Amino acid sequence: MKEKFNIFLYKISAIVILVSTLAYLFERKISPYFFAVAAAGMAISKLNQQYNGNNLRIKRLFRMQKMSGFLYVAASYFMFKPHNQWVPLLLCAAALELYTTMVIGRELNK
């Protein structure tokens, strides 16, 4: 049950992050709030993921995923500031998320 909720939280948070990032182009006052809630949901879902095996590479990748969750939260903080410092943080978090997701899937299938 906890794993299903964690997957649901991750999917919903990812969709809301995407939509609120696109909405930032049109509405700069409301979209940071949605982004912040989704970033918190993403960080919570990443913190709840665990790997109990012995593979050090997969453990390192799970730690990198947790770091990407914190980068989403940092990007949401900077989204409330007048400058666009949140964009590089969001790009780093997304790149890290993409890399870790692909490599974890490949490593678990070995």
N, C-alpha and C. Protein backbone atom coordinates (compact mmCIF):
# COMPACT_ATOMS: atom_id res chain seq x y z
N MET A 1 0.83 -1.20 0.00
CA MET A 1 0.00 0.00 0.00
C MET A 1 0.87 1.25 0.00
N LYS A 2 1.91 1.25 0.82
CA LYS A 2 2.78 2.42 0.91
C LYS A 2 3.50 2.65 -0.41
N GLU A 3 3.91 1.56 -1.07
CA GLU A 3 4.62 1.70 -2.34
C GLU A 3 3.70 2.24 -3.43
N LYS A 4 2.44 1.80 -3.43
CA LYS A 4 1.49 2.31 -4.42
C LYS A 4 1.23 3.79 -4.22
N PHE A 5 1.10 4.21 -2.96
CA PHE A 5 0.90 5.63 -2.68
C PHE A 5 2.13 6.44 -3.09
N ASN A 6 3.30 5.88 -2.86
CA ASN A 6 4.54 6.57 -3.22
C ASN A 6 4.64 6.75 -4.74
N ILE A 7 4.26 5.74 -5.50
CA ILE A 7 4.28 5.84 -6.95
C ILE A 7 3.23 6.85 -7.43
N PHE A 8 2.05 6.83 -6.82
CA PHE A 8 1.00 7.78 -7.15
C PHE A 8 1.45 9.21 -6.86
N LEU A 9 2.07 9.43 -5.70
CA LEU A 9 2.56 10.76 -5.32
C LEU A 9 3.63 11.24 -6.30
N TYR A 10 4.51 10.34 -6.71
CA TYR A 10 5.56 10.69 -7.65
C TYR A 10 4.97 11.11 -9.00
N LYS A 11 4.01 10.35 -9.51
CA LYS A 11 3.41 10.66 -10.81
C LYS A 11 2.65 11.98 -10.79
N ILE A 12 1.85 12.18 -9.75
CA ILE A 12 1.08 13.41 -9.65
C ILE A 12 2.01 14.61 -9.49
N SER A 13 3.04 14.47 -8.68
CA SER A 13 3.99 15.56 -8.48
C SER A 13 4.73 15.90 -9.76
N ALA A 14 5.10 14.89 -10.53
CA ALA A 14 5.80 15.14 -11.79
C ALA A 14 4.91 15.88 -12.78
N ILE A 15 3.64 15.51 -12.84
CA ILE A 15 2.71 16.18 -13.75
C ILE A 15 2.49 17.63 -13.32
N VAL A 16 2.32 17.85 -12.02
CA VAL A 16 2.07 19.21 -11.53
C VAL A 16 3.33 20.07 -11.72
N ILE A 17 4.51 19.50 -11.54
CA ILE A 17 5.74 20.27 -11.79
C ILE A 17 5.81 20.70 -13.24
N LEU A 18 5.50 19.78 -14.15
CA LEU A 18 5.52 20.11 -15.57
C LEU A 18 4.50 21.20 -15.92
N VAL A 19 3.29 21.04 -15.43
CA VAL A 19 2.22 21.99 -15.75
C VAL A 19 2.51 23.36 -15.12
N SER A 20 2.98 23.37 -13.88
CA SER A 20 3.24 24.67 -13.24
C SER A 20 4.45 25.36 -13.83
N THR A 21 5.41 24.59 -14.35
CA THR A 21 6.54 25.21 -15.04
C THR A 21 6.08 25.88 -16.32
N LEU A 22 5.22 25.20 -17.06
CA LEU A 22 4.68 25.81 -18.28
C LEU A 22 3.75 26.97 -17.95
N ALA A 23 3.00 26.87 -16.87
CA ALA A 23 2.09 27.94 -16.47
C ALA A 23 2.84 29.18 -16.00
N TYR A 24 4.08 29.01 -15.59
CA TYR A 24 4.88 30.16 -15.14
C TYR A 24 5.07 31.18 -16.26
N LEU A 25 5.02 30.73 -17.50
CA LEU A 25 5.15 31.65 -18.63
C LEU A 25 3.98 32.62 -18.70
N PHE A 26 2.81 32.19 -18.24
CA PHE A 26 1.62 33.00 -18.37
C PHE A 26 1.17 33.63 -17.05
N GLU A 27 1.30 32.91 -15.97
CA GLU A 27 0.85 33.38 -14.66
C GLU A 27 1.96 33.21 -13.64
N ARG A 28 2.67 34.29 -13.35
CA ARG A 28 3.83 34.22 -12.47
C ARG A 28 3.50 34.34 -10.99
N LYS A 29 2.26 34.59 -10.66
CA LYS A 29 1.92 34.76 -9.24
C LYS A 29 1.38 33.49 -8.61
N ILE A 30 0.70 32.67 -9.36
CA ILE A 30 0.06 31.49 -8.80
C ILE A 30 0.90 30.22 -8.99
N SER A 31 1.54 30.10 -10.13
CA SER A 31 2.24 28.85 -10.46
C SER A 31 3.37 28.49 -9.49
N PRO A 32 4.09 29.44 -8.86
CA PRO A 32 5.12 29.00 -7.89
C PRO A 32 4.55 28.23 -6.70
N TYR A 33 3.34 28.52 -6.31
CA TYR A 33 2.73 27.81 -5.19
C TYR A 33 2.44 26.35 -5.56
N PHE A 34 1.90 26.14 -6.76
CA PHE A 34 1.67 24.77 -7.21
C PHE A 34 2.99 24.02 -7.38
N PHE A 35 3.99 24.73 -7.90
CA PHE A 35 5.30 24.11 -8.08
C PHE A 35 5.89 23.72 -6.73
N ALA A 36 5.74 24.56 -5.73
CA ALA A 36 6.30 24.27 -4.40
C ALA A 36 5.64 23.05 -3.77
N VAL A 37 4.33 22.94 -3.90
CA VAL A 37 3.63 21.78 -3.35
C VAL A 37 4.06 20.51 -4.09
N ALA A 38 4.18 20.59 -5.41
CA ALA A 38 4.59 19.42 -6.18
C ALA A 38 6.05 19.05 -5.89
N ALA A 39 6.90 20.05 -5.69
CA ALA A 39 8.30 19.77 -5.36
C ALA A 39 8.41 19.09 -4.01
N ALA A 40 7.59 19.51 -3.07
CA ALA A 40 7.58 18.85 -1.77
C ALA A 40 7.09 17.41 -1.91
N GLY A 41 6.07 17.19 -2.72
CA GLY A 41 5.59 15.83 -2.96
C GLY A 41 6.65 14.97 -3.64
N MET A 42 7.39 15.57 -4.56
CA MET A 42 8.46 14.83 -5.24
C MET A 42 9.56 14.46 -4.25
N ALA A 43 9.93 15.40 -3.40
CA ALA A 43 10.98 15.12 -2.41
C ALA A 43 10.53 14.05 -1.42
N ILE A 44 9.28 14.10 -1.01
CA ILE A 44 8.76 13.08 -0.09
C ILE A 44 8.76 11.71 -0.75
N SER A 45 8.34 11.65 -2.01
CA SER A 45 8.32 10.35 -2.69
C SER A 45 9.74 9.82 -2.88
N LYS A 46 10.71 10.69 -3.12
CA LYS A 46 12.10 10.25 -3.26
C LYS A 46 12.68 9.79 -1.93
N LEU A 47 12.33 10.46 -0.85
CA LEU A 47 12.85 10.07 0.46
C LEU A 47 12.26 8.74 0.93
N ASN A 48 11.07 8.40 0.45
CA ASN A 48 10.43 7.14 0.86
C ASN A 48 10.91 5.94 0.05
N GLN A 49 11.60 6.18 -1.05
CA GLN A 49 12.13 5.06 -1.84
C GLN A 49 13.36 4.50 -1.16
N GLN A 50 13.44 3.18 -1.10
CA GLN A 50 14.59 2.54 -0.47
C GLN A 50 15.04 1.36 -1.30
N TYR A 51 16.33 1.09 -1.21
CA TYR A 51 16.92 -0.07 -1.85
C TYR A 51 17.62 -0.87 -0.77
N ASN A 52 17.25 -2.12 -0.62
CA ASN A 52 17.78 -2.94 0.46
C ASN A 52 18.81 -3.97 -0.01
N GLY A 53 19.25 -3.85 -1.24
CA GLY A 53 20.22 -4.81 -1.77
C GLY A 53 21.65 -4.43 -1.42
N ASN A 54 22.59 -5.15 -2.03
CA ASN A 54 24.01 -4.95 -1.74
C ASN A 54 24.76 -4.22 -2.86
N ASN A 55 24.10 -3.90 -3.95
CA ASN A 55 24.76 -3.26 -5.08
C ASN A 55 25.05 -1.80 -4.73
N LEU A 56 26.33 -1.46 -4.68
CA LEU A 56 26.72 -0.10 -4.29
C LEU A 56 26.35 0.93 -5.34
N ARG A 57 26.36 0.53 -6.61
CA ARG A 57 26.00 1.47 -7.67
C ARG A 57 24.53 1.89 -7.55
N ILE A 58 23.66 0.92 -7.28
CA ILE A 58 22.25 1.25 -7.16
C ILE A 58 22.00 2.09 -5.91
N LYS A 59 22.72 1.81 -4.84
CA LYS A 59 22.59 2.65 -3.63
C LYS A 59 22.99 4.09 -3.92
N ARG A 60 24.07 4.25 -4.68
CA ARG A 60 24.52 5.59 -5.04
C ARG A 60 23.49 6.28 -5.92
N LEU A 61 22.88 5.56 -6.83
CA LEU A 61 21.86 6.14 -7.69
C LEU A 61 20.61 6.55 -6.91
N PHE A 62 20.25 5.78 -5.90
CA PHE A 62 19.11 6.17 -5.07
C PHE A 62 19.43 7.44 -4.27
N ARG A 63 20.66 7.57 -3.82
CA ARG A 63 21.06 8.82 -3.14
C ARG A 63 21.02 10.00 -4.09
N MET A 64 21.40 9.77 -5.34
CA MET A 64 21.34 10.83 -6.34
C MET A 64 19.89 11.24 -6.62
N GLN A 65 18.98 10.27 -6.58
CA GLN A 65 17.57 10.60 -6.76
C GLN A 65 17.06 11.45 -5.60
N LYS A 66 17.52 11.16 -4.40
CA LYS A 66 17.11 11.99 -3.26
C LYS A 66 17.65 13.41 -3.42
N MET A 67 18.85 13.54 -3.98
CA MET A 67 19.41 14.86 -4.22
C MET A 67 18.57 15.62 -5.25
N SER A 68 18.07 14.92 -6.25
CA SER A 68 17.23 15.59 -7.24
C SER A 68 15.93 16.08 -6.61
N GLY A 69 15.41 15.36 -5.63
CA GLY A 69 14.23 15.83 -4.91
C GLY A 69 14.50 17.12 -4.17
N PHE A 70 15.68 17.21 -3.56
CA PHE A 70 16.04 18.45 -2.87
C PHE A 70 16.30 19.59 -3.86
N LEU A 71 16.79 19.27 -5.04
CA LEU A 71 16.97 20.31 -6.06
C LEU A 71 15.64 20.86 -6.53
N TYR A 72 14.62 20.01 -6.59
CA TYR A 72 13.27 20.50 -6.93
C TYR A 72 12.77 21.48 -5.86
N VAL A 73 13.02 21.16 -4.61
CA VAL A 73 12.59 22.04 -3.52
C VAL A 73 13.36 23.37 -3.59
N ALA A 74 14.65 23.31 -3.86
CA ALA A 74 15.45 24.53 -3.99
C ALA A 74 14.97 25.36 -5.17
N ALA A 75 14.61 24.71 -6.27
CA ALA A 75 14.09 25.44 -7.42
C ALA A 75 12.77 26.12 -7.08
N SER A 76 11.95 25.46 -6.27
CA SER A 76 10.68 26.08 -5.89
C SER A 76 10.91 27.30 -5.00
N TYR A 77 11.95 27.27 -4.16
CA TYR A 77 12.28 28.44 -3.35
C TYR A 77 12.68 29.61 -4.25
N PHE A 78 13.54 29.34 -5.21
CA PHE A 78 14.01 30.42 -6.08
C PHE A 78 12.96 30.87 -7.09
N MET A 79 11.90 30.11 -7.24
CA MET A 79 10.82 30.52 -8.13
C MET A 79 10.07 31.73 -7.58
N PHE A 80 10.13 31.92 -6.27
CA PHE A 80 9.47 33.06 -5.65
C PHE A 80 10.32 34.33 -5.73
N LYS A 81 11.58 34.22 -6.12
CA LYS A 81 12.48 35.36 -6.23
C LYS A 81 12.29 36.03 -7.59
N PRO A 82 12.68 37.30 -7.72
CA PRO A 82 12.42 38.01 -8.98
C PRO A 82 13.29 37.57 -10.15
N HIS A 83 14.42 36.94 -9.90
CA HIS A 83 15.30 36.51 -10.98
C HIS A 83 14.98 35.06 -11.37
N ASN A 84 15.58 34.62 -12.44
CA ASN A 84 15.31 33.27 -12.95
C ASN A 84 16.37 32.27 -12.52
N GLN A 85 16.73 32.27 -11.25
CA GLN A 85 17.73 31.34 -10.75
C GLN A 85 17.17 29.94 -10.57
N TRP A 86 15.88 29.77 -10.65
CA TRP A 86 15.27 28.47 -10.48
C TRP A 86 15.42 27.60 -11.71
N VAL A 87 15.64 28.20 -12.86
CA VAL A 87 15.72 27.44 -14.11
C VAL A 87 16.91 26.48 -14.13
N PRO A 88 18.14 26.92 -13.79
CA PRO A 88 19.24 25.95 -13.79
C PRO A 88 19.06 24.83 -12.76
N LEU A 89 18.47 25.15 -11.62
CA LEU A 89 18.23 24.12 -10.62
C LEU A 89 17.22 23.09 -11.12
N LEU A 90 16.20 23.57 -11.80
CA LEU A 90 15.19 22.66 -12.35
C LEU A 90 15.81 21.79 -13.45
N LEU A 91 16.65 22.37 -14.28
CA LEU A 91 17.30 21.59 -15.33
C LEU A 91 18.24 20.54 -14.75
N CYS A 92 18.99 20.90 -13.71
CA CYS A 92 19.88 19.93 -13.06
C CYS A 92 19.07 18.81 -12.42
N ALA A 93 17.99 19.15 -11.75
CA ALA A 93 17.15 18.13 -11.11
C ALA A 93 16.53 17.20 -12.15
N ALA A 94 16.07 17.76 -13.26
CA ALA A 94 15.45 16.93 -14.29
C ALA A 94 16.49 16.02 -14.96
N ALA A 95 17.67 16.55 -15.22
CA ALA A 95 18.72 15.74 -15.84
C ALA A 95 19.16 14.62 -14.90
N LEU A 96 19.30 14.94 -13.64
CA LEU A 96 19.68 13.94 -12.65
C LEU A 96 18.60 12.87 -12.51
N GLU A 97 17.37 13.30 -12.53
CA GLU A 97 16.23 12.38 -12.45
C GLU A 97 16.20 11.45 -13.66
N LEU A 98 16.40 12.00 -14.83
CA LEU A 98 16.39 11.19 -16.05
C LEU A 98 17.52 10.17 -16.04
N TYR A 99 18.71 10.61 -15.70
CA TYR A 99 19.86 9.72 -15.67
C TYR A 99 19.67 8.57 -14.68
N THR A 100 19.28 8.92 -13.45
CA THR A 100 19.16 7.89 -12.42
C THR A 100 18.03 6.91 -12.74
N THR A 101 16.94 7.39 -13.29
CA THR A 101 15.83 6.51 -13.62
C THR A 101 16.24 5.50 -14.69
N MET A 102 16.96 5.96 -15.70
CA MET A 102 17.38 5.05 -16.76
C MET A 102 18.40 4.04 -16.27
N VAL A 103 19.36 4.49 -15.50
CA VAL A 103 20.43 3.58 -15.05
C VAL A 103 19.93 2.61 -13.99
N ILE A 104 19.06 3.05 -13.10
CA ILE A 104 18.51 2.14 -12.10
C ILE A 104 17.71 1.03 -12.78
N GLY A 105 16.92 1.38 -13.76
CA GLY A 105 16.16 0.37 -14.49
C GLY A 105 17.06 -0.65 -15.17
N ARG A 106 18.14 -0.17 -15.74
CA ARG A 106 19.07 -1.07 -16.42
C ARG A 106 19.82 -1.94 -15.43
N GLU A 107 20.21 -1.37 -14.29
CA GLU A 107 20.96 -2.13 -13.29
C GLU A 107 20.09 -3.18 -12.59
N LEU A 108 18.82 -2.86 -12.36
CA LEU A 108 17.93 -3.83 -11.73
C LEU A 108 17.61 -5.00 -12.64
N ASN A 109 17.65 -4.77 -13.94
CA ASN A 109 17.37 -5.85 -14.89
C ASN A 109 18.55 -6.80 -15.08
N LYS A 110 19.74 -6.40 -14.65
CA LYS A 110 20.92 -7.26 -14.80
C LYS A 110 20.84 -8.47 -13.90
